[in-house]
Every structure is written in C-alpha cells, then in structure tokens.
Amino acid sequence: MPKKQFTRELSKMNIEEGMPSLAEASVRMNQFINESQHSGLRVIKIIHGYGSSGVGGRLRSGLRQELAKRKQNGKIKDFIPGERFGVNEETLLYIQQYTTLKVDPDFSMQNPGITVIILY
C-alpha cells in the first residue's frame, strides 16, 4: 500500500482578490504580516498574481518593492519570490530551518504570482 503524502500549505492570503489598487493591496499585506507575526507564524505566503501584461503586474512589483524596504528596515527577515521558491543557494538555509516550505504545493513550481515571506 503506498504511503499517503501529507501537504501542509503555508498560511496564505490572496491579496489580488477583488482587484485592489496597489495602496489597498499594500494595506492588506501589511495587516497580514502583522497578524501573522503576532500569532507566532514565521513563514507566510501572499498571492498577488503575475499581472496580465506579460511582464509582471503592479501588485507583484509594488508589493515586492515594499517587502524589500521592510527587509532593509528589519521589519521582516526576508522574502522569496515565487519564481525562486525551491531548492537553491539563497533558500537552502530557510528550507532547513522551516520544513513546512518543502511541503507547500508551490515549492519548486516557479510561480511568479506568489511571494513567500520569512518573519522574525
């Protein structure tokens, strides 16, 4: 009898739902980050979509720019763009530290419509 594979998806928020403006999406993301930190989560995932232009949308680029600022200011530990969310040099330490990363369905799927956020 084959073993059952268990998957445990990261806690996530679909920020693109309802097609918000970048400002509204930013508020949603920041609330999700704050709530997640207060509840003790260390790894979360946001779904921002890729955008319909074929080169990445406003939400994707704008939210990632904001995450870069939050990382620089010490408000988050790091973030992993979905297209790099897999086994590689920049994520190896996090994969070892947070085993839930490897069992997330988006792991190694090169999905540019998501971003994984590492919290303190």
PDB file of N, CA and C in Angstrom:
ATOM      1  N   MET A   1       0.839  -1.177   0.000  1.00  0.00           N
ATOM      2  CA  MET A   1       0.000   0.000   0.000  1.00  0.00           C
ATOM      3  C   MET A   1       0.896   1.257   0.000  1.00  0.00           C
ATOM      4  N   PRO A   2       0.693   2.188  -0.935  1.00  0.00           N
ATOM      5  CA  PRO A   2       1.543   3.375  -0.994  1.00  0.00           C
ATOM      6  C   PRO A   2       1.300   4.296   0.212  1.00  0.00           C
ATOM      7  N   LYS A   3       2.400   4.954   0.609  1.00  0.00           N
ATOM      8  CA  LYS A   3       2.285   5.890   1.723  1.00  0.00           C
ATOM      9  C   LYS A   3       1.499   7.112   1.295  1.00  0.00           C
ATOM     10  N   LYS A   4       0.715   7.611   2.207  1.00  0.00           N
ATOM     11  CA  LYS A   4      -0.044   8.822   1.950  1.00  0.00           C
ATOM     12  C   LYS A   4       0.888  10.014   2.098  1.00  0.00           C
ATOM     13  N   GLN A   5       0.873  10.921   1.150  1.00  0.00           N
ATOM     14  CA  GLN A   5       1.694  12.111   1.254  1.00  0.00           C
ATOM     15  C   GLN A   5       0.863  13.235   1.848  1.00  0.00           C
ATOM     16  N   PHE A   6       1.412  13.829   2.876  1.00  0.00           N
ATOM     17  CA  PHE A   6       0.731  14.932   3.523  1.00  0.00           C
ATOM     18  C   PHE A   6       1.332  16.238   3.035  1.00  0.00           C
ATOM     19  N   THR A   7       0.487  17.187   2.733  1.00  0.00           N
ATOM     20  CA  THR A   7       0.978  18.511   2.377  1.00  0.00           C
ATOM     21  C   THR A   7       0.416  19.499   3.377  1.00  0.00           C
ATOM     22  N   ARG A   8       1.242  20.411   3.740  1.00  0.00           N
ATOM     23  CA  ARG A   8       0.807  21.452   4.661  1.00  0.00           C
ATOM     24  C   ARG A   8       1.153  22.780   4.021  1.00  0.00           C
ATOM     25  N   GLU A   9       0.160  23.377   3.478  1.00  0.00           N
ATOM     26  CA  GLU A   9       0.363  24.642   2.795  1.00  0.00           C
ATOM     27  C   GLU A   9       0.641  25.740   3.822  1.00  0.00           C
ATOM     28  N   LEU A  10       1.490  26.656   3.427  1.00  0.00           N
ATOM     29  CA  LEU A  10       1.794  27.796   4.281  1.00  0.00           C
ATOM     30  C   LEU A  10       0.537  28.632   4.487  1.00  0.00           C
ATOM     31  N   SER A  11       0.492  29.331   5.603  1.00  0.00           N
ATOM     32  CA  SER A  11      -0.597  30.277   5.828  1.00  0.00           C
ATOM     33  C   SER A  11      -0.499  31.326   4.725  1.00  0.00           C
ATOM     34  N   LYS A  12      -1.619  31.613   4.077  1.00  0.00           N
ATOM     35  CA  LYS A  12      -1.554  32.482   2.902  1.00  0.00           C
ATOM     36  C   LYS A  12      -2.699  33.466   2.867  1.00  0.00           C
ATOM     37  N   MET A  13      -2.497  34.515   2.055  1.00  0.00           N
ATOM     38  CA  MET A  13      -3.546  35.490   1.795  1.00  0.00           C
ATOM     39  C   MET A  13      -3.552  35.785   0.312  1.00  0.00           C
ATOM     40  N   ASN A  14      -4.743  35.759  -0.275  1.00  0.00           N
ATOM     41  CA  ASN A  14      -4.899  36.110  -1.682  1.00  0.00           C
ATOM     42  C   ASN A  14      -5.147  37.613  -1.764  1.00  0.00           C
ATOM     43  N   ILE A  15      -4.088  38.352  -1.967  1.00  0.00           N
ATOM     44  CA  ILE A  15      -4.156  39.808  -1.974  1.00  0.00           C
ATOM     45  C   ILE A  15      -4.799  40.342  -3.247  1.00  0.00           C
ATOM     46  N   GLU A  16      -4.706  39.604  -4.336  1.00  0.00           N
ATOM     47  CA  GLU A  16      -5.244  40.091  -5.604  1.00  0.00           C
ATOM     48  C   GLU A  16      -6.770  39.949  -5.704  1.00  0.00           C
ATOM     49  N   GLU A  17      -7.369  39.232  -4.759  1.00  0.00           N
ATOM     50  CA  GLU A  17      -8.819  39.023  -4.794  1.00  0.00           C
ATOM     51  C   GLU A  17      -9.553  40.364  -4.747  1.00  0.00           C
ATOM     52  N   GLY A  18     -10.480  40.546  -5.661  1.00  0.00           N
ATOM     53  CA  GLY A  18     -11.237  41.782  -5.736  1.00  0.00           C
ATOM     54  C   GLY A  18     -10.546  42.884  -6.510  1.00  0.00           C
ATOM     55  N   MET A  19      -9.408  42.581  -7.090  1.00  0.00           N
ATOM     56  CA  MET A  19      -8.641  43.522  -7.917  1.00  0.00           C
ATOM     57  C   MET A  19      -8.389  44.862  -7.209  1.00  0.00           C
ATOM     58  N   PRO A  20      -7.703  44.834  -6.055  1.00  0.00           N
ATOM     59  CA  PRO A  20      -7.473  46.073  -5.309  1.00  0.00           C
ATOM     60  C   PRO A  20      -6.419  46.959  -5.985  1.00  0.00           C
ATOM     61  N   SER A  21      -6.416  48.209  -5.598  1.00  0.00           N
ATOM     62  CA  SER A  21      -5.337  49.105  -6.021  1.00  0.00           C
ATOM     63  C   SER A  21      -4.070  48.670  -5.282  1.00  0.00           C
ATOM     64  N   LEU A  22      -2.933  49.182  -5.727  1.00  0.00           N
ATOM     65  CA  LEU A  22      -1.683  48.854  -5.050  1.00  0.00           C
ATOM     66  C   LEU A  22      -1.722  49.330  -3.601  1.00  0.00           C
ATOM     67  N   ALA A  23      -2.278  50.518  -3.358  1.00  0.00           N
ATOM     68  CA  ALA A  23      -2.354  51.046  -1.991  1.00  0.00           C
ATOM     69  C   ALA A  23      -3.184  50.122  -1.096  1.00  0.00           C
ATOM     70  N   GLU A  24      -4.330  49.659  -1.607  1.00  0.00           N
ATOM     71  CA  GLU A  24      -5.185  48.760  -0.830  1.00  0.00           C
ATOM     72  C   GLU A  24      -4.502  47.409  -0.624  1.00  0.00           C
ATOM     73  N   ALA A  25      -3.841  46.900  -1.657  1.00  0.00           N
ATOM     74  CA  ALA A  25      -3.125  45.625  -1.548  1.00  0.00           C
ATOM     75  C   ALA A  25      -2.002  45.728  -0.517  1.00  0.00           C
ATOM     76  N   SER A  26      -1.347  46.869  -0.468  1.00  0.00           N
ATOM     77  CA  SER A  26      -0.277  47.100   0.489  1.00  0.00           C
ATOM     78  C   SER A  26      -0.807  47.067   1.920  1.00  0.00           C
ATOM     79  N   VAL A  27      -1.949  47.689   2.130  1.00  0.00           N
ATOM     80  CA  VAL A  27      -2.577  47.665   3.457  1.00  0.00           C
ATOM     81  C   VAL A  27      -2.921  46.229   3.841  1.00  0.00           C
ATOM     82  N   ARG A  28      -3.512  45.480   2.923  1.00  0.00           N
ATOM     83  CA  ARG A  28      -3.857  44.070   3.186  1.00  0.00           C
ATOM     84  C   ARG A  28      -2.620  43.262   3.556  1.00  0.00           C
ATOM     85  N   MET A  29      -1.546  43.434   2.762  1.00  0.00           N
ATOM     86  CA  MET A  29      -0.326  42.680   3.012  1.00  0.00           C
ATOM     87  C   MET A  29       0.247  43.029   4.377  1.00  0.00           C
ATOM     88  N   ASN A  30       0.313  44.307   4.706  1.00  0.00           N
ATOM     89  CA  ASN A  30       0.888  44.720   5.986  1.00  0.00           C
ATOM     90  C   ASN A  30       0.060  44.215   7.165  1.00  0.00           C
ATOM     91  N   GLN A  31      -1.257  44.211   7.035  1.00  0.00           N
ATOM     92  CA  GLN A  31      -2.113  43.666   8.090  1.00  0.00           C
ATOM     93  C   GLN A  31      -1.867  42.170   8.258  1.00  0.00           C
ATOM     94  N   PHE A  32      -1.746  41.468   7.136  1.00  0.00           N
ATOM     95  CA  PHE A  32      -1.494  40.021   7.180  1.00  0.00           C
ATOM     96  C   PHE A  32      -0.149  39.736   7.838  1.00  0.00           C
ATOM     97  N   ILE A  33       0.870  40.497   7.488  1.00  0.00           N
ATOM     98  CA  ILE A  33       2.193  40.323   8.103  1.00  0.00           C
ATOM     99  C   ILE A  33       2.111  40.563   9.602  1.00  0.00           C
ATOM    100  N   ASN A  34       1.495  41.666  10.007  1.00  0.00           N
ATOM    101  CA  ASN A  34       1.395  41.995  11.436  1.00  0.00           C
ATOM    102  C   ASN A  34       0.617  40.941  12.210  1.00  0.00           C
ATOM    103  N   GLU A  35      -0.526  40.514  11.682  1.00  0.00           N
ATOM    104  CA  GLU A  35      -1.334  39.487  12.346  1.00  0.00           C
ATOM    105  C   GLU A  35      -0.569  38.168  12.445  1.00  0.00           C
ATOM    106  N   SER A  36       0.143  37.823  11.385  1.00  0.00           N
ATOM    107  CA  SER A  36       0.912  36.574  11.373  1.00  0.00           C
ATOM    108  C   SER A  36       2.036  36.611  12.401  1.00  0.00           C
ATOM    109  N   GLN A  37       2.734  37.741  12.483  1.00  0.00           N
ATOM    110  CA  GLN A  37       3.806  37.872  13.469  1.00  0.00           C
ATOM    111  C   GLN A  37       3.253  37.752  14.881  1.00  0.00           C
ATOM    112  N   HIS A  38       2.125  38.416  15.146  1.00  0.00           N
ATOM    113  CA  HIS A  38       1.530  38.377  16.479  1.00  0.00           C
ATOM    114  C   HIS A  38       1.039  36.981  16.848  1.00  0.00           C
ATOM    115  N   SER A  39       0.662  36.185  15.861  1.00  0.00           N
ATOM    116  CA  SER A  39       0.191  34.832  16.166  1.00  0.00           C
ATOM    117  C   SER A  39       1.324  33.811  16.178  1.00  0.00           C
ATOM    118  N   GLY A  40       2.551  34.271  15.972  1.00  0.00           N
ATOM    119  CA  GLY A  40       3.704  33.381  16.093  1.00  0.00           C
ATOM    120  C   GLY A  40       4.131  32.675  14.814  1.00  0.00           C
ATOM    121  N   LEU A  41       3.502  33.008  13.696  1.00  0.00           N
ATOM    122  CA  LEU A  41       3.920  32.379  12.443  1.00  0.00           C
ATOM    123  C   LEU A  41       5.276  32.927  12.020  1.00  0.00           C
ATOM    124  N   ARG A  42       6.063  32.105  11.373  1.00  0.00           N
ATOM    125  CA  ARG A  42       7.387  32.538  10.918  1.00  0.00           C
ATOM    126  C   ARG A  42       7.508  32.557   9.400  1.00  0.00           C
ATOM    127  N   VAL A  43       6.603  31.864   8.712  1.00  0.00           N
ATOM    128  CA  VAL A  43       6.634  31.818   7.251  1.00  0.00           C
ATOM    129  C   VAL A  43       5.203  31.936   6.741  1.00  0.00           C
ATOM    130  N   ILE A  44       4.981  32.867   5.811  1.00  0.00           N
ATOM    131  CA  ILE A  44       3.662  33.051   5.216  1.00  0.00           C
ATOM    132  C   ILE A  44       3.811  33.228   3.710  1.00  0.00           C
ATOM    133  N   LYS A  45       2.687  33.176   3.032  1.00  0.00           N
ATOM    134  CA  LYS A  45       2.706  33.314   1.572  1.00  0.00           C
ATOM    135  C   LYS A  45       1.611  34.276   1.156  1.00  0.00           C
ATOM    136  N   ILE A  46       1.953  35.168   0.220  1.00  0.00           N
ATOM    137  CA  ILE A  46       0.931  36.034  -0.354  1.00  0.00           C
ATOM    138  C   ILE A  46       0.766  35.679  -1.822  1.00  0.00           C
ATOM    139  N   ILE A  47      -0.467  35.789  -2.279  1.00  0.00           N
ATOM    140  CA  ILE A  47      -0.792  35.577  -3.683  1.00  0.00           C
ATOM    141  C   ILE A  47      -1.129  36.955  -4.244  1.00  0.00           C
ATOM    142  N   HIS A  48      -0.307  37.418  -5.163  1.00  0.00           N
ATOM    143  CA  HIS A  48      -0.514  38.745  -5.738  1.00  0.00           C
ATOM    144  C   HIS A  48      -0.758  38.678  -7.231  1.00  0.00           C
ATOM    145  N   GLY A  49      -0.626  37.491  -7.799  1.00  0.00           N
ATOM    146  CA  GLY A  49      -0.804  37.330  -9.234  1.00  0.00           C
ATOM    147  C   GLY A  49       0.420  37.802  -9.998  1.00  0.00           C
ATOM    148  N   TYR A  50       0.441  37.469 -11.251  1.00  0.00           N
ATOM    149  CA  TYR A  50       1.559  37.836 -12.115  1.00  0.00           C
ATOM    150  C   TYR A  50       1.266  39.111 -12.888  1.00  0.00           C
ATOM    151  N   GLY A  51       0.017  39.352 -13.185  1.00  0.00           N
ATOM    152  CA  GLY A  51      -0.353  40.510 -13.996  1.00  0.00           C
ATOM    153  C   GLY A  51      -0.692  40.065 -15.405  1.00  0.00           C
ATOM    154  N   SER A  52      -1.508  40.825 -16.061  1.00  0.00           N
ATOM    155  CA  SER A  52      -1.971  40.439 -17.393  1.00  0.00           C
ATOM    156  C   SER A  52      -1.135  41.021 -18.519  1.00  0.00           C
ATOM    157  N   SER A  53      -0.137  41.832 -18.172  1.00  0.00           N
ATOM    158  CA  SER A  53       0.670  42.487 -19.210  1.00  0.00           C
ATOM    159  C   SER A  53       1.713  41.562 -19.821  1.00  0.00           C
ATOM    160  N   GLY A  54       1.989  40.449 -19.156  1.00  0.00           N
ATOM    161  CA  GLY A  54       3.022  39.538 -19.647  1.00  0.00           C
ATOM    162  C   GLY A  54       4.406  39.847 -19.108  1.00  0.00           C
ATOM    163  N   VAL A  55       4.556  40.945 -18.396  1.00  0.00           N
ATOM    164  CA  VAL A  55       5.860  41.302 -17.825  1.00  0.00           C
ATOM    165  C   VAL A  55       5.773  41.503 -16.315  1.00  0.00           C
ATOM    166  N   GLY A  56       4.709  41.097 -15.700  1.00  0.00           N
ATOM    167  CA  GLY A  56       4.523  41.273 -14.266  1.00  0.00           C
ATOM    168  C   GLY A  56       3.693  42.507 -14.000  1.00  0.00           C
ATOM    169  N   GLY A  57       2.798  42.389 -13.041  1.00  0.00           N
ATOM    170  CA  GLY A  57       1.854  43.471 -12.801  1.00  0.00           C
ATOM    171  C   GLY A  57       2.246  44.429 -11.697  1.00  0.00           C
ATOM    172  N   ARG A  58       1.394  45.433 -11.512  1.00  0.00           N
ATOM    173  CA  ARG A  58       1.598  46.469 -10.490  1.00  0.00           C
ATOM    174  C   ARG A  58       1.700  45.875  -9.091  1.00  0.00           C
ATOM    175  N   LEU A  59       0.782  44.966  -8.767  1.00  0.00           N
ATOM    176  CA  LEU A  59       0.782  44.402  -7.420  1.00  0.00           C
ATOM    177  C   LEU A  59       2.071  43.637  -7.157  1.00  0.00           C
ATOM    178  N   ARG A  60       2.441  42.790  -8.078  1.00  0.00           N
ATOM    179  CA  ARG A  60       3.641  41.970  -7.899  1.00  0.00           C
ATOM    180  C   ARG A  60       4.861  42.847  -7.655  1.00  0.00           C
ATOM    181  N   SER A  61       5.111  43.777  -8.544  1.00  0.00           N
ATOM    182  CA  SER A  61       6.325  44.592  -8.414  1.00  0.00           C
ATOM    183  C   SER A  61       6.217  45.564  -7.239  1.00  0.00           C
ATOM    184  N   GLY A  62       5.070  46.171  -7.042  1.00  0.00           N
ATOM    185  CA  GLY A  62       4.907  47.124  -5.949  1.00  0.00           C
ATOM    186  C   GLY A  62       5.017  46.487  -4.576  1.00  0.00           C
ATOM    187  N   LEU A  63       4.385  45.328  -4.391  1.00  0.00           N
ATOM    188  CA  LEU A  63       4.440  44.653  -3.100  1.00  0.00           C
ATOM    189  C   LEU A  63       5.840  44.122  -2.823  1.00  0.00           C
ATOM    190  N   ARG A  64       6.511  43.636  -3.837  1.00  0.00           N
ATOM    191  CA  ARG A  64       7.886  43.166  -3.631  1.00  0.00           C
ATOM    192  C   ARG A  64       8.832  44.318  -3.308  1.00  0.00           C
ATOM    193  N   GLN A  65       8.601  45.486  -3.887  1.00  0.00           N
ATOM    194  CA  GLN A  65       9.410  46.655  -3.525  1.00  0.00           C
ATOM    195  C   GLN A  65       9.182  47.017  -2.057  1.00  0.00           C
ATOM    196  N   GLU A  66       7.944  46.947  -1.641  1.00  0.00           N
ATOM    197  CA  GLU A  66       7.640  47.234  -0.240  1.00  0.00           C
ATOM    198  C   GLU A  66       8.268  46.203   0.688  1.00  0.00           C
ATOM    199  N   LEU A  67       8.251  44.929   0.284  1.00  0.00           N
ATOM    200  CA  LEU A  67       8.891  43.889   1.088  1.00  0.00           C
ATOM    201  C   LEU A  67      10.397  44.126   1.192  1.00  0.00           C
ATOM    202  N   ALA A  68      11.011  44.580   0.109  1.00  0.00           N
ATOM    203  CA  ALA A  68      12.452  44.886   0.132  1.00  0.00           C
ATOM    204  C   ALA A  68      12.736  45.995   1.149  1.00  0.00           C
ATOM    205  N   LYS A  69      11.874  46.994   1.210  1.00  0.00           N
ATOM    206  CA  LYS A  69      12.038  48.076   2.190  1.00  0.00           C
ATOM    207  C   LYS A  69      11.848  47.557   3.613  1.00  0.00           C
ATOM    208  N   ARG A  70      10.834  46.707   3.786  1.00  0.00           N
ATOM    209  CA  ARG A  70      10.583  46.141   5.123  1.00  0.00           C
ATOM    210  C   ARG A  70      11.765  45.288   5.577  1.00  0.00           C
ATOM    211  N   LYS A  71      12.373  44.567   4.642  1.00  0.00           N
ATOM    212  CA  LYS A  71      13.547  43.757   4.973  1.00  0.00           C
ATOM    213  C   LYS A  71      14.717  44.672   5.351  1.00  0.00           C
ATOM    214  N   GLN A  72      14.931  45.690   4.574  1.00  0.00           N
ATOM    215  CA  GLN A  72      16.018  46.642   4.826  1.00  0.00           C
ATOM    216  C   GLN A  72      15.839  47.324   6.186  1.00  0.00           C
ATOM    217  N   ASN A  73      14.596  47.608   6.572  1.00  0.00           N
ATOM    218  CA  ASN A  73      14.305  48.263   7.849  1.00  0.00           C
ATOM    219  C   ASN A  73      14.200  47.288   9.018  1.00  0.00           C
ATOM    220  N   GLY A  74      14.425  45.989   8.759  1.00  0.00           N
ATOM    221  CA  GLY A  74      14.391  44.995   9.818  1.00  0.00           C
ATOM    222  C   GLY A  74      13.008  44.599  10.289  1.00  0.00           C
ATOM    223  N   LYS A  75      11.995  44.854   9.478  1.00  0.00           N
ATOM    224  CA  LYS A  75      10.627  44.509   9.866  1.00  0.00           C
ATOM    225  C   LYS A  75      10.236  43.097   9.465  1.00  0.00           C
ATOM    226  N   ILE A  76      10.909  42.542   8.471  1.00  0.00           N
ATOM    227  CA  ILE A  76      10.770  41.125   8.106  1.00  0.00           C
ATOM    228  C   ILE A  76      12.184  40.583   7.943  1.00  0.00           C
ATOM    229  N   LYS A  77      12.317  39.288   8.058  1.00  0.00           N
ATOM    230  CA  LYS A  77      13.631  38.670   7.921  1.00  0.00           C
ATOM    231  C   LYS A  77      14.046  38.606   6.453  1.00  0.00           C
ATOM    232  N   ASP A  78      13.115  38.181   5.583  1.00  0.00           N
ATOM    233  CA  ASP A  78      13.431  38.024   4.161  1.00  0.00           C
ATOM    234  C   ASP A  78      12.149  37.722   3.395  1.00  0.00           C
ATOM    235  N   PHE A  79      12.273  37.663   2.093  1.00  0.00           N
ATOM    236  CA  PHE A  79      11.173  37.206   1.257  1.00  0.00           C
ATOM    237  C   PHE A  79      11.755  36.461   0.067  1.00  0.00           C
ATOM    238  N   ILE A  80      10.962  35.517  -0.446  1.00  0.00           N
ATOM    239  CA  ILE A  80      11.388  34.679  -1.568  1.00  0.00           C
ATOM    240  C   ILE A  80      10.362  34.826  -2.682  1.00  0.00           C
ATOM    241  N   PRO A  81      10.753  35.434  -3.798  1.00  0.00           N
ATOM    242  CA  PRO A  81       9.838  35.493  -4.940  1.00  0.00           C
ATOM    243  C   PRO A  81       9.469  34.077  -5.383  1.00  0.00           C
ATOM    244  N   GLY A  82       8.238  33.888  -5.781  1.00  0.00           N
ATOM    245  CA  GLY A  82       7.753  32.555  -6.151  1.00  0.00           C
ATOM    246  C   GLY A  82       8.562  31.871  -7.228  1.00  0.00           C
ATOM    247  N   GLU A  83       9.110  32.649  -8.159  1.00  0.00           N
ATOM    248  CA  GLU A  83       9.904  32.040  -9.227  1.00  0.00           C
ATOM    249  C   GLU A  83      11.235  31.483  -8.725  1.00  0.00           C
ATOM    250  N   ARG A  84      11.639  31.844  -7.491  1.00  0.00           N
ATOM    251  CA  ARG A  84      12.867  31.305  -6.898  1.00  0.00           C
ATOM    252  C   ARG A  84      12.579  30.449  -5.662  1.00  0.00           C
ATOM    253  N   PHE A  85      11.312  30.123  -5.449  1.00  0.00           N
ATOM    254  CA  PHE A  85      10.896  29.338  -4.291  1.00  0.00           C
ATOM    255  C   PHE A  85      11.094  27.852  -4.581  1.00  0.00           C
ATOM    256  N   GLY A  86      12.274  27.370  -4.262  1.00  0.00           N
ATOM    257  CA  GLY A  86      12.656  25.982  -4.491  1.00  0.00           C
ATOM    258  C   GLY A  86      14.032  25.779  -3.896  1.00  0.00           C
ATOM    259  N   VAL A  87      14.663  24.676  -4.229  1.00  0.00           N
ATOM    260  CA  VAL A  87      15.993  24.397  -3.706  1.00  0.00           C
ATOM    261  C   VAL A  87      17.017  25.184  -4.515  1.00  0.00           C
ATOM    262  N   ASN A  88      17.660  26.124  -3.855  1.00  0.00           N
ATOM    263  CA  ASN A  88      18.749  26.889  -4.450  1.00  0.00           C
ATOM    264  C   ASN A  88      19.573  27.497  -3.321  1.00  0.00           C
ATOM    265  N   GLU A  89      20.683  28.119  -3.656  1.00  0.00           N
ATOM    266  CA  GLU A  89      21.592  28.640  -2.636  1.00  0.00           C
ATOM    267  C   GLU A  89      20.934  29.658  -1.708  1.00  0.00           C
ATOM    268  N   GLU A  90      20.095  30.537  -2.260  1.00  0.00           N
ATOM    269  CA  GLU A  90      19.523  31.587  -1.421  1.00  0.00           C
ATOM    270  C   GLU A  90      18.407  31.085  -0.509  1.00  0.00           C
ATOM    271  N   THR A  91      17.833  29.930  -0.788  1.00  0.00           N
ATOM    272  CA  THR A  91      16.737  29.431   0.046  1.00  0.00           C
ATOM    273  C   THR A  91      17.124  28.218   0.897  1.00  0.00           C
ATOM    274  N   LEU A  92      18.294  27.658   0.673  1.00  0.00           N
ATOM    275  CA  LEU A  92      18.683  26.422   1.360  1.00  0.00           C
ATOM    276  C   LEU A  92      18.605  26.540   2.880  1.00  0.00           C
ATOM    277  N   LEU A  93      19.100  27.624   3.435  1.00  0.00           N
ATOM    278  CA  LEU A  93      19.054  27.811   4.884  1.00  0.00           C
ATOM    279  C   LEU A  93      17.621  27.832   5.396  1.00  0.00           C
ATOM    280  N   TYR A  94      16.746  28.533   4.686  1.00  0.00           N
ATOM    281  CA  TYR A  94      15.348  28.613   5.115  1.00  0.00           C
ATOM    282  C   TYR A  94      14.654  27.260   4.999  1.00  0.00           C
ATOM    283  N   ILE A  95      14.978  26.505   3.971  1.00  0.00           N
ATOM    284  CA  ILE A  95      14.375  25.180   3.788  1.00  0.00           C
ATOM    285  C   ILE A  95      14.753  24.271   4.947  1.00  0.00           C
ATOM    286  N   GLN A  96      15.996  24.376   5.397  1.00  0.00           N
ATOM    287  CA  GLN A  96      16.444  23.567   6.536  1.00  0.00           C
ATOM    288  C   GLN A  96      15.806  24.039   7.836  1.00  0.00           C
ATOM    289  N   GLN A  97      15.625  25.336   7.965  1.00  0.00           N
ATOM    290  CA  GLN A  97      15.085  25.920   9.188  1.00  0.00           C
ATOM    291  C   GLN A  97      13.566  25.762   9.299  1.00  0.00           C
ATOM    292  N   TYR A  98      12.868  25.887   8.186  1.00  0.00           N
ATOM    293  CA  TYR A  98      11.400  25.826   8.170  1.00  0.00           C
ATOM    294  C   TYR A  98      10.968  24.698   7.239  1.00  0.00           C
ATOM    295  N   THR A  99      10.767  23.529   7.803  1.00  0.00           N
ATOM    296  CA  THR A  99      10.474  22.346   6.990  1.00  0.00           C
ATOM    297  C   THR A  99       9.142  22.440   6.257  1.00  0.00           C
ATOM    298  N   THR A 100       8.257  23.302   6.701  1.00  0.00           N
ATOM    299  CA  THR A 100       6.968  23.447   6.008  1.00  0.00           C
ATOM    300  C   THR A 100       7.146  24.009   4.601  1.00  0.00           C
ATOM    301  N   LEU A 101       8.263  24.651   4.330  1.00  0.00           N
ATOM    302  CA  LEU A 101       8.486  25.200   2.986  1.00  0.00           C
ATOM    303  C   LEU A 101       8.470  24.103   1.929  1.00  0.00           C
ATOM    304  N   LYS A 102       9.128  22.990   2.218  1.00  0.00           N
ATOM    305  CA  LYS A 102       9.259  21.920   1.221  1.00  0.00           C
ATOM    306  C   LYS A 102       7.953  21.213   0.889  1.00  0.00           C
ATOM    307  N   VAL A 103       6.980  21.276   1.797  1.00  0.00           N
ATOM    308  CA  VAL A 103       5.725  20.570   1.541  1.00  0.00           C
ATOM    309  C   VAL A 103       4.634  21.486   0.992  1.00  0.00           C
ATOM    310  N   ASP A 104       4.940  22.764   0.837  1.00  0.00           N
ATOM    311  CA  ASP A 104       3.966  23.677   0.251  1.00  0.00           C
ATOM    312  C   ASP A 104       3.783  23.336  -1.230  1.00  0.00           C
ATOM    313  N   PRO A 105       2.550  23.339  -1.721  1.00  0.00           N
ATOM    314  CA  PRO A 105       2.303  22.979  -3.132  1.00  0.00           C
ATOM    315  C   PRO A 105       3.020  23.872  -4.150  1.00  0.00           C
ATOM    316  N   ASP A 106       3.379  25.092  -3.779  1.00  0.00           N
ATOM    317  CA  ASP A 106       4.079  25.982  -4.707  1.00  0.00           C
ATOM    318  C   ASP A 106       5.595  25.784  -4.717  1.00  0.00           C
ATOM    319  N   PHE A 107       6.108  24.934  -3.822  1.00  0.00           N
ATOM    320  CA  PHE A 107       7.545  24.707  -3.746  1.00  0.00           C
ATOM    321  C   PHE A 107       8.064  24.115  -5.063  1.00  0.00           C
ATOM    322  N   SER A 108       9.076  24.739  -5.603  1.00  0.00           N
ATOM    323  CA  SER A 108       9.718  24.330  -6.865  1.00  0.00           C
ATOM    324  C   SER A 108       8.797  24.418  -8.079  1.00  0.00           C
ATOM    325  N   MET A 109       7.747  25.214  -8.005  1.00  0.00           N
ATOM    326  CA  MET A 109       6.826  25.361  -9.133  1.00  0.00           C
ATOM    327  C   MET A 109       7.128  26.604  -9.967  1.00  0.00           C
ATOM    328  N   GLN A 110       8.078  27.428  -9.524  1.00  0.00           N
ATOM    329  CA  GLN A 110       8.473  28.644 -10.245  1.00  0.00           C
ATOM    330  C   GLN A 110       7.262  29.518 -10.558  1.00  0.00           C
ATOM    331  N   ASN A 111       6.475  29.784  -9.533  1.00  0.00           N
ATOM    332  CA  ASN A 111       5.229  30.537  -9.667  1.00  0.00           C
ATOM    333  C   ASN A 111       5.481  32.025  -9.385  1.00  0.00           C
ATOM    334  N   PRO A 112       5.544  32.866 -10.406  1.00  0.00           N
ATOM    335  CA  PRO A 112       5.806  34.296 -10.178  1.00  0.00           C
ATOM    336  C   PRO A 112       4.617  35.046  -9.583  1.00  0.00           C
ATOM    337  N   GLY A 113       3.499  34.387  -9.391  1.00  0.00           N
ATOM    338  CA  GLY A 113       2.315  35.027  -8.835  1.00  0.00           C
ATOM    339  C   GLY A 113       2.229  34.973  -7.322  1.00  0.00           C
ATOM    340  N   ILE A 114       3.264  34.435  -6.678  1.00  0.00           N
ATOM    341  CA  ILE A 114       3.286  34.355  -5.209  1.00  0.00           C
ATOM    342  C   ILE A 114       4.611  34.895  -4.679  1.00  0.00           C
ATOM    343  N   THR A 115       4.615  35.196  -3.398  1.00  0.00           N
ATOM    344  CA  THR A 115       5.851  35.541  -2.691  1.00  0.00           C
ATOM    345  C   THR A 115       5.758  34.954  -1.297  1.00  0.00           C
ATOM    346  N   VAL A 116       6.834  34.318  -0.864  1.00  0.00           N
ATOM    347  CA  VAL A 116       6.921  33.734   0.476  1.00  0.00           C
ATOM    348  C   VAL A 116       7.666  34.746   1.358  1.00  0.00           C
ATOM    349  N   ILE A 117       7.132  34.976   2.536  1.00  0.00           N
ATOM    350  CA  ILE A 117       7.710  35.961   3.441  1.00  0.00           C
ATOM    351  C   ILE A 117       8.191  35.265   4.715  1.00  0.00           C
ATOM    352  N   ILE A 118       9.444  35.527   5.078  1.00  0.00           N
ATOM    353  CA  ILE A 118      10.041  34.972   6.295  1.00  0.00           C
ATOM    354  C   ILE A 118       9.970  36.054   7.368  1.00  0.00           C
ATOM    355  N   LEU A 119       9.303  35.743   8.469  1.00  0.00           N
ATOM    356  CA  LEU A 119       9.104  36.713   9.553  1.00  0.00           C
ATOM    357  C   LEU A 119      10.076  36.448  10.704  1.00  0.00           C
ATOM    358  N   TYR A 120      10.235  37.434  11.557  1.00  0.00           N
ATOM    359  CA  TYR A 120      11.051  37.272  12.770  1.00  0.00           C
ATOM    360  C   TYR A 120      10.248  36.611  13.848  1.00  0.00           C
TER     361      TYR A 120
END
